[in-house]
Amino acid sequence: AAELERVSRRPGASVVDVLAADHGAGHLLSALWHHCWSGAVEID
């Protein structure tokens, strides 16, 4: 969550920034979708 918050607070942040920070492990990307579901991360 802390890393995801740091990434998603960047101006103009998008999913590709999460992919870059994930380093292929998948943990950050799956956390992104969870927090999109919960509303912690806003996405249209």
PDB file of all heavy atoms in Angstrom:
ATOM      1  N   ALA A   1       0.812  -1.218   0.000  1.00  0.00           N
ATOM      2  CA  ALA A   1       0.000   0.000   0.000  1.00  0.00           C
ATOM      3  C   ALA A   1       0.847   1.271   0.000  1.00  0.00           C
ATOM      4  O   ALA A   1       0.552   2.237  -0.720  1.00  0.00           O
ATOM      5  CB  ALA A   1      -0.949   0.001   1.195  1.00  0.00           C
ATOM      6  N   ALA A   2       1.927   1.306   0.812  1.00  0.00           N
ATOM      7  CA  ALA A   2       2.762   2.501   0.902  1.00  0.00           C
ATOM      8  C   ALA A   2       3.428   2.809  -0.434  1.00  0.00           C
ATOM      9  O   ALA A   2       3.460   3.973  -0.874  1.00  0.00           O
ATOM     10  CB  ALA A   2       3.810   2.327   1.997  1.00  0.00           C
ATOM     11  N   GLU A   3       3.954   1.784  -1.097  1.00  0.00           N
ATOM     12  CA  GLU A   3       4.590   1.993  -2.397  1.00  0.00           C
ATOM     13  C   GLU A   3       3.565   2.382  -3.449  1.00  0.00           C
ATOM     14  O   GLU A   3       3.818   3.250  -4.296  1.00  0.00           O
ATOM     15  CB  GLU A   3       5.335   0.730  -2.833  1.00  0.00           C
ATOM     16  CG  GLU A   3       6.161   0.918  -4.094  1.00  0.00           C
ATOM     17  CD  GLU A   3       6.981  -0.301  -4.456  1.00  0.00           C
ATOM     18  OE1 GLU A   3       6.808  -1.345  -3.785  1.00  0.00           O
ATOM     19  OE2 GLU A   3       7.778  -0.211  -5.406  1.00  0.00           O
ATOM     20  N   LEU A   4       2.405   1.757  -3.383  1.00  0.00           N
ATOM     21  CA  LEU A   4       1.350   2.091  -4.333  1.00  0.00           C
ATOM     22  C   LEU A   4       0.884   3.530  -4.145  1.00  0.00           C
ATOM     23  O   LEU A   4       0.636   4.244  -5.128  1.00  0.00           O
ATOM     24  CB  LEU A   4       0.168   1.132  -4.141  1.00  0.00           C
ATOM     25  CG  LEU A   4      -0.991   1.271  -5.122  1.00  0.00           C
ATOM     26  CD1 LEU A   4      -0.519   1.039  -6.545  1.00  0.00           C
ATOM     27  CD2 LEU A   4      -2.102   0.277  -4.764  1.00  0.00           C
ATOM     28  N   GLU A   5       0.778   3.969  -2.903  1.00  0.00           N
ATOM     29  CA  GLU A   5       0.399   5.359  -2.642  1.00  0.00           C
ATOM     30  C   GLU A   5       1.439   6.310  -3.208  1.00  0.00           C
ATOM     31  O   GLU A   5       1.095   7.328  -3.826  1.00  0.00           O
ATOM     32  CB  GLU A   5       0.243   5.591  -1.141  1.00  0.00           C
ATOM     33  CG  GLU A   5      -0.129   7.030  -0.806  1.00  0.00           C
ATOM     34  CD  GLU A   5      -0.301   7.281   0.683  1.00  0.00           C
ATOM     35  OE1 GLU A   5      -0.155   6.325   1.471  1.00  0.00           O
ATOM     36  OE2 GLU A   5      -0.583   8.442   1.050  1.00  0.00           O
ATOM     37  N   ARG A   6       2.718   5.990  -3.009  1.00  0.00           N
ATOM     38  CA  ARG A   6       3.788   6.857  -3.519  1.00  0.00           C
ATOM     39  C   ARG A   6       3.705   6.983  -5.044  1.00  0.00           C
ATOM     40  O   ARG A   6       3.812   8.085  -5.588  1.00  0.00           O
ATOM     41  CB  ARG A   6       5.147   6.283  -3.110  1.00  0.00           C
ATOM     42  CG  ARG A   6       6.343   7.073  -3.632  1.00  0.00           C
ATOM     43  CD  ARG A   6       7.636   6.431  -3.202  1.00  0.00           C
ATOM     44  NE  ARG A   6       7.763   5.052  -3.673  1.00  0.00           N
ATOM     45  CZ  ARG A   6       8.136   4.729  -4.917  1.00  0.00           C
ATOM     46  NH1 ARG A   6       8.406   5.687  -5.804  1.00  0.00           N
ATOM     47  NH2 ARG A   6       8.225   3.458  -5.267  1.00  0.00           N
ATOM     48  N   VAL A   7       3.480   5.864  -5.715  1.00  0.00           N
ATOM     49  CA  VAL A   7       3.412   5.871  -7.177  1.00  0.00           C
ATOM     50  C   VAL A   7       2.181   6.613  -7.665  1.00  0.00           C
ATOM     51  O   VAL A   7       2.247   7.443  -8.588  1.00  0.00           O
ATOM     52  CB  VAL A   7       3.421   4.427  -7.722  1.00  0.00           C
ATOM     53  CG1 VAL A   7       3.163   4.422  -9.232  1.00  0.00           C
ATOM     54  CG2 VAL A   7       4.748   3.748  -7.415  1.00  0.00           C
ATOM     55  N   SER A   8       1.036   6.348  -7.061  1.00  0.00           N
ATOM     56  CA  SER A   8      -0.220   6.921  -7.561  1.00  0.00           C
ATOM     57  C   SER A   8      -0.400   8.387  -7.197  1.00  0.00           C
ATOM     58  O   SER A   8      -1.297   9.047  -7.721  1.00  0.00           O
ATOM     59  CB  SER A   8      -1.413   6.100  -7.048  1.00  0.00           C
ATOM     60  OG  SER A   8      -1.449   6.083  -5.634  1.00  0.00           O
ATOM     61  N   ARG A   9       0.448   8.900  -6.310  1.00  0.00           N
ATOM     62  CA  ARG A   9       0.382  10.331  -5.982  1.00  0.00           C
ATOM     63  C   ARG A   9       1.186  11.184  -6.962  1.00  0.00           C
ATOM     64  O   ARG A   9       1.080  12.414  -6.941  1.00  0.00           O
ATOM     65  CB  ARG A   9       0.892  10.580  -4.553  1.00  0.00           C
ATOM     66  CG  ARG A   9      -0.123  10.277  -3.457  1.00  0.00           C
ATOM     67  CD  ARG A   9       0.448  10.660  -2.101  1.00  0.00           C
ATOM     68  NE  ARG A   9      -0.484  10.425  -1.025  1.00  0.00           N
ATOM     69  CZ  ARG A   9      -1.435  11.274  -0.649  1.00  0.00           C
ATOM     70  NH1 ARG A   9      -1.579  12.430  -1.299  1.00  0.00           N
ATOM     71  NH2 ARG A   9      -2.240  10.998   0.351  1.00  0.00           N
ATOM     72  N   ARG A  10       1.979  10.560  -7.807  1.00  0.00           N
ATOM     73  CA  ARG A  10       2.764  11.332  -8.774  1.00  0.00           C
ATOM     74  C   ARG A  10       1.831  12.045  -9.750  1.00  0.00           C
ATOM     75  O   ARG A  10       0.810  11.487 -10.179  1.00  0.00           O
ATOM     76  CB  ARG A  10       3.692  10.410  -9.562  1.00  0.00           C
ATOM     77  CG  ARG A  10       4.778   9.724  -8.747  1.00  0.00           C
ATOM     78  CD  ARG A  10       5.498   8.721  -9.623  1.00  0.00           C
ATOM     79  NE  ARG A  10       6.490   7.949  -8.879  1.00  0.00           N
ATOM     80  CZ  ARG A  10       7.105   6.881  -9.369  1.00  0.00           C
ATOM     81  NH1 ARG A  10       6.803   6.449 -10.590  1.00  0.00           N
ATOM     82  NH2 ARG A  10       7.994   6.231  -8.628  1.00  0.00           N
ATOM     83  N   PRO A  11       2.175  13.275 -10.135  1.00  0.00           N
ATOM     84  CA  PRO A  11       1.358  13.980 -11.145  1.00  0.00           C
ATOM     85  C   PRO A  11       1.278  13.168 -12.438  1.00  0.00           C
ATOM     86  O   PRO A  11       2.300  12.707 -12.957  1.00  0.00           O
ATOM     87  CB  PRO A  11       2.116  15.298 -11.355  1.00  0.00           C
ATOM     88  CG  PRO A  11       2.879  15.501 -10.077  1.00  0.00           C
ATOM     89  CD  PRO A  11       3.270  14.117  -9.633  1.00  0.00           C
ATOM     90  N   GLY A  12       0.081  12.975 -12.924  1.00  0.00           N
ATOM     91  CA  GLY A  12      -0.099  12.231 -14.167  1.00  0.00           C
ATOM     92  C   GLY A  12       0.140  10.742 -14.048  1.00  0.00           C
ATOM     93  O   GLY A  12       0.371  10.060 -15.060  1.00  0.00           O
ATOM     94  N   ALA A  13       0.069  10.192 -12.846  1.00  0.00           N
ATOM     95  CA  ALA A  13       0.319   8.759 -12.640  1.00  0.00           C
ATOM     96  C   ALA A  13      -0.694   7.904 -13.400  1.00  0.00           C
ATOM     97  O   ALA A  13      -1.869   8.263 -13.529  1.00  0.00           O
ATOM     98  CB  ALA A  13       0.271   8.423 -11.152  1.00  0.00           C
ATOM     99  N   SER A  14      -0.205   6.778 -13.900  1.00  0.00           N
ATOM    100  CA  SER A  14      -1.081   5.851 -14.623  1.00  0.00           C
ATOM    101  C   SER A  14      -0.682   4.414 -14.304  1.00  0.00           C
ATOM    102  O   SER A  14       0.298   4.171 -13.582  1.00  0.00           O
ATOM    103  CB  SER A  14      -0.994   6.093 -16.136  1.00  0.00           C
ATOM    104  OG  SER A  14       0.313   5.807 -16.598  1.00  0.00           O
ATOM    105  N   VAL A  15      -1.413   3.472 -14.858  1.00  0.00           N
ATOM    106  CA  VAL A  15      -1.147   2.064 -14.599  1.00  0.00           C
ATOM    107  C   VAL A  15       0.265   1.687 -15.007  1.00  0.00           C
ATOM    108  O   VAL A  15       0.917   0.855 -14.353  1.00  0.00           O
ATOM    109  CB  VAL A  15      -2.180   1.186 -15.337  1.00  0.00           C
ATOM    110  CG1 VAL A  15      -1.817  -0.298 -15.228  1.00  0.00           C
ATOM    111  CG2 VAL A  15      -3.580   1.420 -14.776  1.00  0.00           C
ATOM    112  N   VAL A  16       0.795   2.298 -16.059  1.00  0.00           N
ATOM    113  CA  VAL A  16       2.135   1.961 -16.524  1.00  0.00           C
ATOM    114  C   VAL A  16       3.189   2.265 -15.465  1.00  0.00           C
ATOM    115  O   VAL A  16       4.215   1.572 -15.378  1.00  0.00           O
ATOM    116  CB  VAL A  16       2.463   2.696 -17.847  1.00  0.00           C
ATOM    117  CG1 VAL A  16       2.706   4.180 -17.610  1.00  0.00           C
ATOM    118  CG2 VAL A  16       3.650   2.051 -18.549  1.00  0.00           C
ATOM    119  N   ASP A  17       2.943   3.258 -14.614  1.00  0.00           N
ATOM    120  CA  ASP A  17       3.884   3.568 -13.533  1.00  0.00           C
ATOM    121  C   ASP A  17       3.895   2.456 -12.485  1.00  0.00           C
ATOM    122  O   ASP A  17       4.931   2.149 -11.902  1.00  0.00           O
ATOM    123  CB  ASP A  17       3.522   4.903 -12.886  1.00  0.00           C
ATOM    124  CG  ASP A  17       3.650   6.069 -13.845  1.00  0.00           C
ATOM    125  OD1 ASP A  17       4.734   6.233 -14.426  1.00  0.00           O
ATOM    126  OD2 ASP A  17       2.659   6.804 -14.021  1.00  0.00           O
ATOM    127  N   VAL A  18       2.741   1.865 -12.253  1.00  0.00           N
ATOM    128  CA  VAL A  18       2.658   0.734 -11.325  1.00  0.00           C
ATOM    129  C   VAL A  18       3.384  -0.467 -11.919  1.00  0.00           C
ATOM    130  O   VAL A  18       4.109  -1.189 -11.218  1.00  0.00           O
ATOM    131  CB  VAL A  18       1.194   0.376 -11.012  1.00  0.00           C
ATOM    132  CG1 VAL A  18       1.114  -0.845 -10.102  1.00  0.00           C
ATOM    133  CG2 VAL A  18       0.484   1.559 -10.377  1.00  0.00           C
ATOM    134  N   LEU A  19       3.224  -0.690 -13.210  1.00  0.00           N
ATOM    135  CA  LEU A  19       3.919  -1.788 -13.880  1.00  0.00           C
ATOM    136  C   LEU A  19       5.432  -1.624 -13.776  1.00  0.00           C
ATOM    137  O   LEU A  19       6.155  -2.599 -13.534  1.00  0.00           O
ATOM    138  CB  LEU A  19       3.502  -1.843 -15.357  1.00  0.00           C
ATOM    139  CG  LEU A  19       2.076  -2.316 -15.650  1.00  0.00           C
ATOM    140  CD1 LEU A  19       1.723  -2.068 -17.111  1.00  0.00           C
ATOM    141  CD2 LEU A  19       1.935  -3.792 -15.317  1.00  0.00           C
ATOM    142  N   ALA A  20       5.897  -0.388 -13.924  1.00  0.00           N
ATOM    143  CA  ALA A  20       7.334  -0.132 -13.843  1.00  0.00           C
ATOM    144  C   ALA A  20       7.857  -0.372 -12.436  1.00  0.00           C
ATOM    145  O   ALA A  20       8.956  -0.899 -12.245  1.00  0.00           O
ATOM    146  CB  ALA A  20       7.626   1.301 -14.279  1.00  0.00           C
ATOM    147  N   ALA A  21       7.081   0.005 -11.434  1.00  0.00           N
ATOM    148  CA  ALA A  21       7.505  -0.155 -10.043  1.00  0.00           C
ATOM    149  C   ALA A  21       7.348  -1.587  -9.561  1.00  0.00           C
ATOM    150  O   ALA A  21       7.949  -1.984  -8.560  1.00  0.00           O
ATOM    151  CB  ALA A  21       6.696   0.790  -9.145  1.00  0.00           C
ATOM    152  N   ASP A  22       6.562  -2.379 -10.260  1.00  0.00           N
ATOM    153  CA  ASP A  22       6.275  -3.752  -9.856  1.00  0.00           C
ATOM    154  C   ASP A  22       7.453  -4.695 -10.107  1.00  0.00           C
ATOM    155  O   ASP A  22       7.602  -5.699  -9.423  1.00  0.00           O
ATOM    156  CB  ASP A  22       5.040  -4.251 -10.609  1.00  0.00           C
ATOM    157  CG  ASP A  22       4.562  -5.604 -10.136  1.00  0.00           C
ATOM    158  OD1 ASP A  22       3.800  -5.641  -9.158  1.00  0.00           O
ATOM    159  OD2 ASP A  22       4.963  -6.621 -10.740  1.00  0.00           O
ATOM    160  N   HIS A  23       8.281  -4.377 -11.102  1.00  0.00           N
ATOM    161  CA  HIS A  23       9.466  -5.179 -11.441  1.00  0.00           C
ATOM    162  C   HIS A  23       9.109  -6.619 -11.817  1.00  0.00           C
ATOM    163  O   HIS A  23       9.915  -7.532 -11.635  1.00  0.00           O
ATOM    164  CB  HIS A  23      10.474  -5.187 -10.286  1.00  0.00           C
ATOM    165  CG  HIS A  23      10.913  -3.821  -9.855  1.00  0.00           C
ATOM    166  ND1 HIS A  23      11.558  -2.930 -10.702  1.00  0.00           N
ATOM    167  CD2 HIS A  23      10.774  -3.174  -8.661  1.00  0.00           C
ATOM    168  CE1 HIS A  23      11.820  -1.805 -10.067  1.00  0.00           C
ATOM    169  NE2 HIS A  23      11.343  -1.911  -8.825  1.00  0.00           N
ATOM    170  N   GLY A  24       7.885  -6.805 -12.309  1.00  0.00           N
ATOM    171  CA  GLY A  24       7.499  -8.119 -12.789  1.00  0.00           C
ATOM    172  C   GLY A  24       7.063  -9.099 -11.728  1.00  0.00           C
ATOM    173  O   GLY A  24       6.701 -10.235 -12.036  1.00  0.00           O
ATOM    174  N   ALA A  25       7.058  -8.690 -10.456  1.00  0.00           N
ATOM    175  CA  ALA A  25       6.681  -9.605  -9.379  1.00  0.00           C
ATOM    176  C   ALA A  25       5.174  -9.807  -9.306  1.00  0.00           C
ATOM    177  O   ALA A  25       4.705 -10.847  -8.858  1.00  0.00           O
ATOM    178  CB  ALA A  25       7.203  -9.091  -8.043  1.00  0.00           C
ATOM    179  N   GLY A  26       4.412  -8.797  -9.711  1.00  0.00           N
ATOM    180  CA  GLY A  26       2.954  -8.906  -9.711  1.00  0.00           C
ATOM    181  C   GLY A  26       2.294  -8.453  -8.430  1.00  0.00           C
ATOM    182  O   GLY A  26       1.070  -8.259  -8.395  1.00  0.00           O
ATOM    183  N   HIS A  27       3.067  -8.255  -7.346  1.00  0.00           N
ATOM    184  CA  HIS A  27       2.462  -7.912  -6.060  1.00  0.00           C
ATOM    185  C   HIS A  27       1.845  -6.524  -6.086  1.00  0.00           C
ATOM    186  O   HIS A  27       0.748  -6.312  -5.568  1.00  0.00           O
ATOM    187  CB  HIS A  27       3.504  -7.998  -4.939  1.00  0.00           C
ATOM    188  CG  HIS A  27       4.506  -6.891  -4.949  1.00  0.00           C
ATOM    189  ND1 HIS A  27       5.496  -6.787  -5.924  1.00  0.00           N
ATOM    190  CD2 HIS A  27       4.658  -5.819  -4.129  1.00  0.00           C
ATOM    191  CE1 HIS A  27       6.212  -5.712  -5.689  1.00  0.00           C
ATOM    192  NE2 HIS A  27       5.740  -5.107  -4.616  1.00  0.00           N
ATOM    193  N   LEU A  28       2.542  -5.578  -6.720  1.00  0.00           N
ATOM    194  CA  LEU A  28       2.047  -4.197  -6.734  1.00  0.00           C
ATOM    195  C   LEU A  28       0.857  -4.049  -7.682  1.00  0.00           C
ATOM    196  O   LEU A  28      -0.088  -3.315  -7.403  1.00  0.00           O
ATOM    197  CB  LEU A  28       3.165  -3.239  -7.136  1.00  0.00           C
ATOM    198  CG  LEU A  28       2.963  -1.767  -6.764  1.00  0.00           C
ATOM    199  CD1 LEU A  28       2.829  -1.609  -5.251  1.00  0.00           C
ATOM    200  CD2 LEU A  28       4.113  -0.914  -7.279  1.00  0.00           C
ATOM    201  N   LEU A  29       0.895  -4.773  -8.784  1.00  0.00           N
ATOM    202  CA  LEU A  29      -0.192  -4.697  -9.759  1.00  0.00           C
ATOM    203  C   LEU A  29      -1.481  -5.273  -9.182  1.00  0.00           C
ATOM    204  O   LEU A  29      -2.552  -4.688  -9.324  1.00  0.00           O
ATOM    205  CB  LEU A  29       0.193  -5.430 -11.041  1.00  0.00           C
ATOM    206  CG  LEU A  29      -0.800  -5.304 -12.199  1.00  0.00           C
ATOM    207  CD1 LEU A  29      -0.985  -3.852 -12.614  1.00  0.00           C
ATOM    208  CD2 LEU A  29      -0.329  -6.148 -13.389  1.00  0.00           C
ATOM    209  N   SER A  30      -1.392  -6.417  -8.520  1.00  0.00           N
ATOM    210  CA  SER A  30      -2.598  -7.000  -7.924  1.00  0.00           C
ATOM    211  C   SER A  30      -3.118  -6.115  -6.790  1.00  0.00           C
ATOM    212  O   SER A  30      -4.330  -5.983  -6.601  1.00  0.00           O
ATOM    213  CB  SER A  30      -2.324  -8.417  -7.411  1.00  0.00           C
ATOM    214  OG  SER A  30      -1.363  -8.417  -6.374  1.00  0.00           O
ATOM    215  N   ALA A  31      -2.185  -5.481  -6.048  1.00  0.00           N
ATOM    216  CA  ALA A  31      -2.598  -4.549  -4.994  1.00  0.00           C
ATOM    217  C   ALA A  31      -3.311  -3.339  -5.593  1.00  0.00           C
ATOM    218  O   ALA A  31      -4.263  -2.817  -5.008  1.00  0.00           O
ATOM    219  CB  ALA A  31      -1.392  -4.102  -4.182  1.00  0.00           C
ATOM    220  N   LEU A  32      -2.860  -2.915  -6.778  1.00  0.00           N
ATOM    221  CA  LEU A  32      -3.528  -1.792  -7.451  1.00  0.00           C
ATOM    222  C   LEU A  32      -4.992  -2.119  -7.704  1.00  0.00           C
ATOM    223  O   LEU A  32      -5.882  -1.326  -7.382  1.00  0.00           O
ATOM    224  CB  LEU A  32      -2.837  -1.497  -8.788  1.00  0.00           C
ATOM    225  CG  LEU A  32      -3.610  -0.561  -9.734  1.00  0.00           C
ATOM    226  CD1 LEU A  32      -3.706   0.847  -9.143  1.00  0.00           C
ATOM    227  CD2 LEU A  32      -2.958  -0.531 -11.117  1.00  0.00           C
ATOM    228  N   TRP A  33      -5.269  -3.295  -8.267  1.00  0.00           N
ATOM    229  CA  TRP A  33      -6.656  -3.645  -8.595  1.00  0.00           C
ATOM    230  C   TRP A  33      -7.497  -3.807  -7.334  1.00  0.00           C
ATOM    231  O   TRP A  33      -8.674  -3.429  -7.315  1.00  0.00           O
ATOM    232  CB  TRP A  33      -6.703  -4.908  -9.445  1.00  0.00           C
ATOM    233  CG  TRP A  33      -5.952  -4.792 -10.730  1.00  0.00           C
ATOM    234  CD1 TRP A  33      -4.996  -5.640 -11.206  1.00  0.00           C
ATOM    235  CD2 TRP A  33      -6.080  -3.754 -11.715  1.00  0.00           C
ATOM    236  NE1 TRP A  33      -4.533  -5.194 -12.412  1.00  0.00           N
ATOM    237  CE2 TRP A  33      -5.179  -4.034 -12.751  1.00  0.00           C
ATOM    238  CE3 TRP A  33      -6.864  -2.603 -11.815  1.00  0.00           C
ATOM    239  CZ2 TRP A  33      -5.033  -3.240 -13.878  1.00  0.00           C
ATOM    240  CZ3 TRP A  33      -6.727  -1.784 -12.940  1.00  0.00           C
ATOM    241  CH2 TRP A  33      -5.827  -2.105 -13.949  1.00  0.00           C
ATOM    242  N   HIS A  34      -6.886  -4.335  -6.274  1.00  0.00           N
ATOM    243  CA  HIS A  34      -7.615  -4.444  -5.010  1.00  0.00           C
ATOM    244  C   HIS A  34      -7.999  -3.066  -4.487  1.00  0.00           C
ATOM    245  O   HIS A  34      -9.145  -2.844  -4.059  1.00  0.00           O
ATOM    246  CB  HIS A  34      -6.774  -5.174  -3.959  1.00  0.00           C
ATOM    247  CG  HIS A  34      -7.375  -5.140  -2.587  1.00  0.00           C
ATOM    248  ND1 HIS A  34      -8.448  -5.930  -2.219  1.00  0.00           N
ATOM    249  CD2 HIS A  34      -7.082  -4.370  -1.495  1.00  0.00           C
ATOM    250  CE1 HIS A  34      -8.779  -5.671  -0.966  1.00  0.00           C
ATOM    251  NE2 HIS A  34      -7.971  -4.738  -0.503  1.00  0.00           N
ATOM    252  N   HIS A  35      -7.053  -2.138  -4.510  1.00  0.00           N
ATOM    253  CA  HIS A  35      -7.335  -0.803  -3.985  1.00  0.00           C
ATOM    254  C   HIS A  35      -8.233   0.012  -4.922  1.00  0.00           C
ATOM    255  O   HIS A  35      -8.911   0.936  -4.471  1.00  0.00           O
ATOM    256  CB  HIS A  35      -6.025  -0.073  -3.696  1.00  0.00           C
ATOM    257  CG  HIS A  35      -5.295  -0.622  -2.507  1.00  0.00           C
ATOM    258  ND1 HIS A  35      -5.818  -0.583  -1.232  1.00  0.00           N
ATOM    259  CD2 HIS A  35      -4.094  -1.256  -2.396  1.00  0.00           C
ATOM    260  CE1 HIS A  35      -4.973  -1.146  -0.386  1.00  0.00           C
ATOM    261  NE2 HIS A  35      -3.922  -1.562  -1.064  1.00  0.00           N
ATOM    262  N   CYS A  36      -8.255  -0.356  -6.205  1.00  0.00           N
ATOM    263  CA  CYS A  36      -9.250   0.250  -7.109  1.00  0.00           C
ATOM    264  C   CYS A  36     -10.637  -0.233  -6.724  1.00  0.00           C
ATOM    265  O   CYS A  36     -11.611   0.526  -6.758  1.00  0.00           O
ATOM    266  CB  CYS A  36      -8.943  -0.108  -8.561  1.00  0.00           C
ATOM    267  SG  CYS A  36      -7.545   0.776  -9.274  1.00  0.00           S
ATOM    268  N   TRP A  37     -10.732  -1.520  -6.378  1.00  0.00           N
ATOM    269  CA  TRP A  37     -12.026  -2.047  -5.936  1.00  0.00           C
ATOM    270  C   TRP A  37     -12.472  -1.378  -4.639  1.00  0.00           C
ATOM    271  O   TRP A  37     -13.644  -0.994  -4.502  1.00  0.00           O
ATOM    272  CB  TRP A  37     -11.941  -3.565  -5.733  1.00  0.00           C
ATOM    273  CG  TRP A  37     -13.203  -4.130  -5.157  1.00  0.00           C
ATOM    274  CD1 TRP A  37     -14.344  -4.455  -5.841  1.00  0.00           C
ATOM    275  CD2 TRP A  37     -13.490  -4.378  -3.775  1.00  0.00           C
ATOM    276  NE1 TRP A  37     -15.308  -4.900  -4.976  1.00  0.00           N
ATOM    277  CE2 TRP A  37     -14.813  -4.860  -3.694  1.00  0.00           C
ATOM    278  CE3 TRP A  37     -12.753  -4.240  -2.607  1.00  0.00           C
ATOM    279  CZ2 TRP A  37     -15.414  -5.204  -2.503  1.00  0.00           C
ATOM    280  CZ3 TRP A  37     -13.345  -4.592  -1.400  1.00  0.00           C
ATOM    281  CH2 TRP A  37     -14.659  -5.060  -1.356  1.00  0.00           C
ATOM    282  N   SER A  38     -11.579  -1.218  -3.683  1.00  0.00           N
ATOM    283  CA  SER A  38     -11.948  -0.657  -2.384  1.00  0.00           C
ATOM    284  C   SER A  38     -12.184   0.847  -2.438  1.00  0.00           C
ATOM    285  O   SER A  38     -12.801   1.405  -1.539  1.00  0.00           O
ATOM    286  CB  SER A  38     -10.849  -0.949  -1.353  1.00  0.00           C
ATOM    287  OG  SER A  38      -9.693  -0.167  -1.620  1.00  0.00           O
ATOM    288  N   GLY A  39     -11.670   1.498  -3.491  1.00  0.00           N
ATOM    289  CA  GLY A  39     -11.830   2.943  -3.604  1.00  0.00           C
ATOM    290  C   GLY A  39     -10.641   3.726  -3.099  1.00  0.00           C
ATOM    291  O   GLY A  39     -10.627   4.959  -3.186  1.00  0.00           O
ATOM    292  N   ALA A  40      -9.620   3.051  -2.560  1.00  0.00           N
ATOM    293  CA  ALA A  40      -8.428   3.752  -2.089  1.00  0.00           C
ATOM    294  C   ALA A  40      -7.676   4.391  -3.247  1.00  0.00           C
ATOM    295  O   ALA A  40      -7.037   5.433  -3.097  1.00  0.00           O
ATOM    296  CB  ALA A  40      -7.511   2.792  -1.328  1.00  0.00           C
ATOM    297  N   VAL A  41      -7.751   3.748  -4.410  1.00  0.00           N
ATOM    298  CA  VAL A  41      -7.179   4.308  -5.633  1.00  0.00           C
ATOM    299  C   VAL A  41      -8.317   4.660  -6.580  1.00  0.00           C
ATOM    300  O   VAL A  41      -9.185   3.826  -6.854  1.00  0.00           O
ATOM    301  CB  VAL A  41      -6.214   3.324  -6.314  1.00  0.00           C
ATOM    302  CG1 VAL A  41      -5.769   3.861  -7.671  1.00  0.00           C
ATOM    303  CG2 VAL A  41      -5.001   3.065  -5.431  1.00  0.00           C
ATOM    304  N   GLU A  42      -8.318   5.874  -7.065  1.00  0.00           N
ATOM    305  CA  GLU A  42      -9.344   6.310  -8.018  1.00  0.00           C
ATOM    306  C   GLU A  42      -8.914   5.962  -9.436  1.00  0.00           C
ATOM    307  O   GLU A  42      -7.777   6.216  -9.825  1.00  0.00           O
ATOM    308  CB  GLU A  42      -9.558   7.818  -7.903  1.00  0.00           C
ATOM    309  CG  GLU A  42     -10.147   8.256  -6.573  1.00  0.00           C
ATOM    310  CD  GLU A  42     -10.247   9.772  -6.467  1.00  0.00           C
ATOM    311  OE1 GLU A  42      -9.538  10.465  -7.226  1.00  0.00           O
ATOM    312  OE2 GLU A  42     -11.028  10.247  -5.621  1.00  0.00           O
ATOM    313  N   ILE A  43      -9.829   5.343 -10.167  1.00  0.00           N
ATOM    314  CA  ILE A  43      -9.612   5.033 -11.575  1.00  0.00           C
ATOM    315  C   ILE A  43     -10.973   5.083 -12.256  1.00  0.00           C
ATOM    316  O   ILE A  43     -11.986   4.720 -11.645  1.00  0.00           O
ATOM    317  CB  ILE A  43      -8.939   3.655 -11.740  1.00  0.00           C
ATOM    318  CG1 ILE A  43      -8.437   3.451 -13.167  1.00  0.00           C
ATOM    319  CG2 ILE A  43      -9.880   2.534 -11.318  1.00  0.00           C
ATOM    320  CD1 ILE A  43      -7.489   2.249 -13.308  1.00  0.00           C
ATOM    321  N   ASP A  44     -11.033   5.555 -13.470  1.00  0.00           N
ATOM    322  CA  ASP A  44     -12.314   5.711 -14.162  1.00  0.00           C
ATOM    323  C   ASP A  44     -12.762   4.376 -14.751  1.00  0.00           C
ATOM    324  O   ASP A  44     -12.226   3.928 -15.766  1.00  0.00           O
ATOM    325  CB  ASP A  44     -12.180   6.761 -15.272  1.00  0.00           C
ATOM    326  CG  ASP A  44     -13.534   7.193 -15.825  1.00  0.00           C
ATOM    327  OD1 ASP A  44     -14.537   6.493 -15.582  1.00  0.00           O
ATOM    328  OD2 ASP A  44     -13.586   8.248 -16.496  1.00  0.00           O
TER     329      ASP A  44
END
